[in-house]
Amino acid sequence: MSISFERTSPLLSPRFPEPKPIETEPSAGAEPSFGQTLATSIDRIADAAEHADRDTEGMVAGTVDIHTAMISMEKADIMLKLGTTVRNKLLDAYRQISQLG
């Protein structure tokens, strides 16, 4: 017995956002500053949340399959949790440094 994958493929192909390159202000080849990296990361989290919202609305409208919507929602959730964890670690480090002085 063989399975035809053409018949089992989803109705819509998954759409993934293109990764944004990290923009640097200094000369080419220089490392981005901490502030630039942090701002870029926050923008990526916001983009993932917007993408998840669009896919959820598309799922309700019937233009996006449930698997694609669930993947984008989980991706946004994981990115938000990671961003929150990094923020908490930064705040803890700031508090520890401020207590030294």
C-alpha atoms as a PDB file:
ATOM      1  CA  MET A   1       0.000   0.000   0.000  1.00  0.00           C
ATOM      2  CA  SER A   2       1.436   3.370  -0.974  1.00  0.00           C
ATOM      3  CA  ILE A   3       0.368   6.826   0.134  1.00  0.00           C
ATOM      4  CA  SER A   4       0.044   9.609  -2.394  1.00  0.00           C
ATOM      5  CA  PHE A   5       1.440  12.741  -0.792  1.00  0.00           C
ATOM      6  CA  GLU A   6      -0.146  14.945  -3.432  1.00  0.00           C
ATOM      7  CA  ARG A   7      -3.567  14.118  -2.000  1.00  0.00           C
ATOM      8  CA  THR A   8      -2.498  14.633   1.625  1.00  0.00           C
ATOM      9  CA  SER A   9      -0.678  17.932   1.182  1.00  0.00           C
ATOM     10  CA  PRO A  10      -2.259  20.987   2.844  1.00  0.00           C
ATOM     11  CA  LEU A  11      -4.481  23.235   0.778  1.00  0.00           C
ATOM     12  CA  LEU A  12      -2.187  26.186   1.290  1.00  0.00           C
ATOM     13  CA  SER A  13       1.571  26.228   1.389  1.00  0.00           C
ATOM     14  CA  PRO A  14       3.051  27.623   4.615  1.00  0.00           C
ATOM     15  CA  ARG A  15       4.179  31.242   4.568  1.00  0.00           C
ATOM     16  CA  PHE A  16       7.158  32.241   6.642  1.00  0.00           C
ATOM     17  CA  PRO A  17       8.347  35.830   7.029  1.00  0.00           C
ATOM     18  CA  GLU A  18      11.705  36.703   5.560  1.00  0.00           C
ATOM     19  CA  PRO A  19      14.307  37.362   8.274  1.00  0.00           C
ATOM     20  CA  LYS A  20      15.294  40.976   8.604  1.00  0.00           C
ATOM     21  CA  PRO A  21      19.004  41.742   8.294  1.00  0.00           C
ATOM     22  CA  ILE A  22      20.564  43.519  11.234  1.00  0.00           C
ATOM     23  CA  GLU A  23      21.080  47.123  10.206  1.00  0.00           C
ATOM     24  CA  THR A  24      24.247  48.774  11.383  1.00  0.00           C
ATOM     25  CA  GLU A  25      24.991  52.471  11.401  1.00  0.00           C
ATOM     26  CA  PRO A  26      28.785  52.227  11.798  1.00  0.00           C
ATOM     27  CA  SER A  27      31.183  51.310   9.010  1.00  0.00           C
ATOM     28  CA  ALA A  28      30.760  47.983   7.227  1.00  0.00           C
ATOM     29  CA  GLY A  29      32.181  45.010   9.105  1.00  0.00           C
ATOM     30  CA  ALA A  30      31.700  46.645  12.511  1.00  0.00           C
ATOM     31  CA  GLU A  31      29.649  44.904  15.176  1.00  0.00           C
ATOM     32  CA  PRO A  32      26.179  46.393  15.836  1.00  0.00           C
ATOM     33  CA  SER A  33      25.793  48.178  19.144  1.00  0.00           C
ATOM     34  CA  PHE A  34      23.896  46.616  22.016  1.00  0.00           C
ATOM     35  CA  GLY A  35      21.069  49.107  21.574  1.00  0.00           C
ATOM     36  CA  GLN A  36      20.740  48.315  17.873  1.00  0.00           C
ATOM     37  CA  THR A  37      20.695  44.576  18.554  1.00  0.00           C
ATOM     38  CA  LEU A  38      18.079  45.006  21.274  1.00  0.00           C
ATOM     39  CA  ALA A  39      15.891  47.221  19.076  1.00  0.00           C
ATOM     40  CA  THR A  40      16.145  44.749  16.187  1.00  0.00           C
ATOM     41  CA  SER A  41      15.167  41.879  18.486  1.00  0.00           C
ATOM     42  CA  ILE A  42      12.141  43.778  19.770  1.00  0.00           C
ATOM     43  CA  ASP A  43      11.101  44.552  16.189  1.00  0.00           C
ATOM     44  CA  ARG A  44      11.375  40.874  15.287  1.00  0.00           C
ATOM     45  CA  ILE A  45       9.163  39.906  18.230  1.00  0.00           C
ATOM     46  CA  ALA A  46       6.572  42.490  17.168  1.00  0.00           C
ATOM     47  CA  ASP A  47       6.716  41.238  13.562  1.00  0.00           C
ATOM     48  CA  ALA A  48       6.192  37.643  14.695  1.00  0.00           C
ATOM     49  CA  ALA A  49       3.173  38.704  16.776  1.00  0.00           C
ATOM     50  CA  GLU A  50       1.691  40.602  13.822  1.00  0.00           C
ATOM     51  CA  HIS A  51       2.300  37.607  11.551  1.00  0.00           C
ATOM     52  CA  ALA A  52       0.556  35.331  14.065  1.00  0.00           C
ATOM     53  CA  ASP A  53      -2.398  37.738  14.187  1.00  0.00           C
ATOM     54  CA  ARG A  54      -2.679  37.766  10.388  1.00  0.00           C
ATOM     55  CA  ASP A  55      -2.499  33.970  10.231  1.00  0.00           C
ATOM     56  CA  THR A  56      -5.152  33.661  12.946  1.00  0.00           C
ATOM     57  CA  GLU A  57      -7.458  35.998  11.055  1.00  0.00           C
ATOM     58  CA  GLY A  58      -6.712  34.046   7.874  1.00  0.00           C
ATOM     59  CA  MET A  59      -7.560  30.800   9.617  1.00  0.00           C
ATOM     60  CA  VAL A  60     -10.924  32.196  10.684  1.00  0.00           C
ATOM     61  CA  ALA A  61     -11.536  33.474   7.152  1.00  0.00           C
ATOM     62  CA  GLY A  62     -10.520  30.115   5.686  1.00  0.00           C
ATOM     63  CA  THR A  63      -7.492  31.337   3.722  1.00  0.00           C
ATOM     64  CA  VAL A  64      -4.829  29.877   6.051  1.00  0.00           C
ATOM     65  CA  ASP A  65      -4.778  26.287   7.280  1.00  0.00           C
ATOM     66  CA  ILE A  66      -4.767  25.579  11.009  1.00  0.00           C
ATOM     67  CA  HIS A  67      -1.248  24.137  11.027  1.00  0.00           C
ATOM     68  CA  THR A  68       0.315  27.295   9.614  1.00  0.00           C
ATOM     69  CA  ALA A  69      -1.622  29.455  12.063  1.00  0.00           C
ATOM     70  CA  MET A  70      -0.617  27.295  15.045  1.00  0.00           C
ATOM     71  CA  ILE A  71       3.042  27.318  14.018  1.00  0.00           C
ATOM     72  CA  SER A  72       3.123  31.109  13.722  1.00  0.00           C
ATOM     73  CA  MET A  73       1.317  31.509  17.066  1.00  0.00           C
ATOM     74  CA  GLU A  74       3.757  29.167  18.836  1.00  0.00           C
ATOM     75  CA  LYS A  75       6.713  30.930  17.223  1.00  0.00           C
ATOM     76  CA  ALA A  76       5.430  34.295  18.457  1.00  0.00           C
ATOM     77  CA  ASP A  77       4.814  32.839  21.931  1.00  0.00           C
ATOM     78  CA  ILE A  78       8.327  31.401  22.178  1.00  0.00           C
ATOM     79  CA  MET A  79       9.885  34.658  20.963  1.00  0.00           C
ATOM     80  CA  LEU A  80       7.865  36.652  23.499  1.00  0.00           C
ATOM     81  CA  LYS A  81       8.887  34.329  26.345  1.00  0.00           C
ATOM     82  CA  LEU A  82      12.537  34.594  25.325  1.00  0.00           C
ATOM     83  CA  GLY A  83      12.286  38.387  25.099  1.00  0.00           C
ATOM     84  CA  THR A  84      10.699  38.541  28.541  1.00  0.00           C
ATOM     85  CA  THR A  85      13.412  36.324  30.003  1.00  0.00           C
ATOM     86  CA  VAL A  86      16.169  38.471  28.484  1.00  0.00           C
ATOM     87  CA  ARG A  87      14.495  41.641  29.806  1.00  0.00           C
ATOM     88  CA  ASN A  88      14.266  40.138  33.307  1.00  0.00           C
ATOM     89  CA  LYS A  89      17.940  39.124  33.219  1.00  0.00           C
ATOM     90  CA  LEU A  90      18.935  42.617  32.092  1.00  0.00           C
ATOM     91  CA  LEU A  91      16.935  44.177  34.920  1.00  0.00           C
ATOM     92  CA  ASP A  92      18.520  41.825  37.459  1.00  0.00           C
ATOM     93  CA  ALA A  93      21.995  42.702  36.174  1.00  0.00           C
ATOM     94  CA  TYR A  94      21.182  46.428  36.354  1.00  0.00           C
ATOM     95  CA  ARG A  95      19.944  46.069  39.943  1.00  0.00           C
ATOM     96  CA  GLN A  96      23.081  44.180  40.956  1.00  0.00           C
ATOM     97  CA  ILE A  97      25.341  46.787  39.350  1.00  0.00           C
ATOM     98  CA  SER A  98      23.425  49.648  40.959  1.00  0.00           C
ATOM     99  CA  GLN A  99      23.806  48.027  44.391  1.00  0.00           C
ATOM    100  CA  LEU A 100      27.596  47.926  44.011  1.00  0.00           C
ATOM    101  CA  GLY A 101      27.937  51.690  44.136  1.00  0.00           C
END
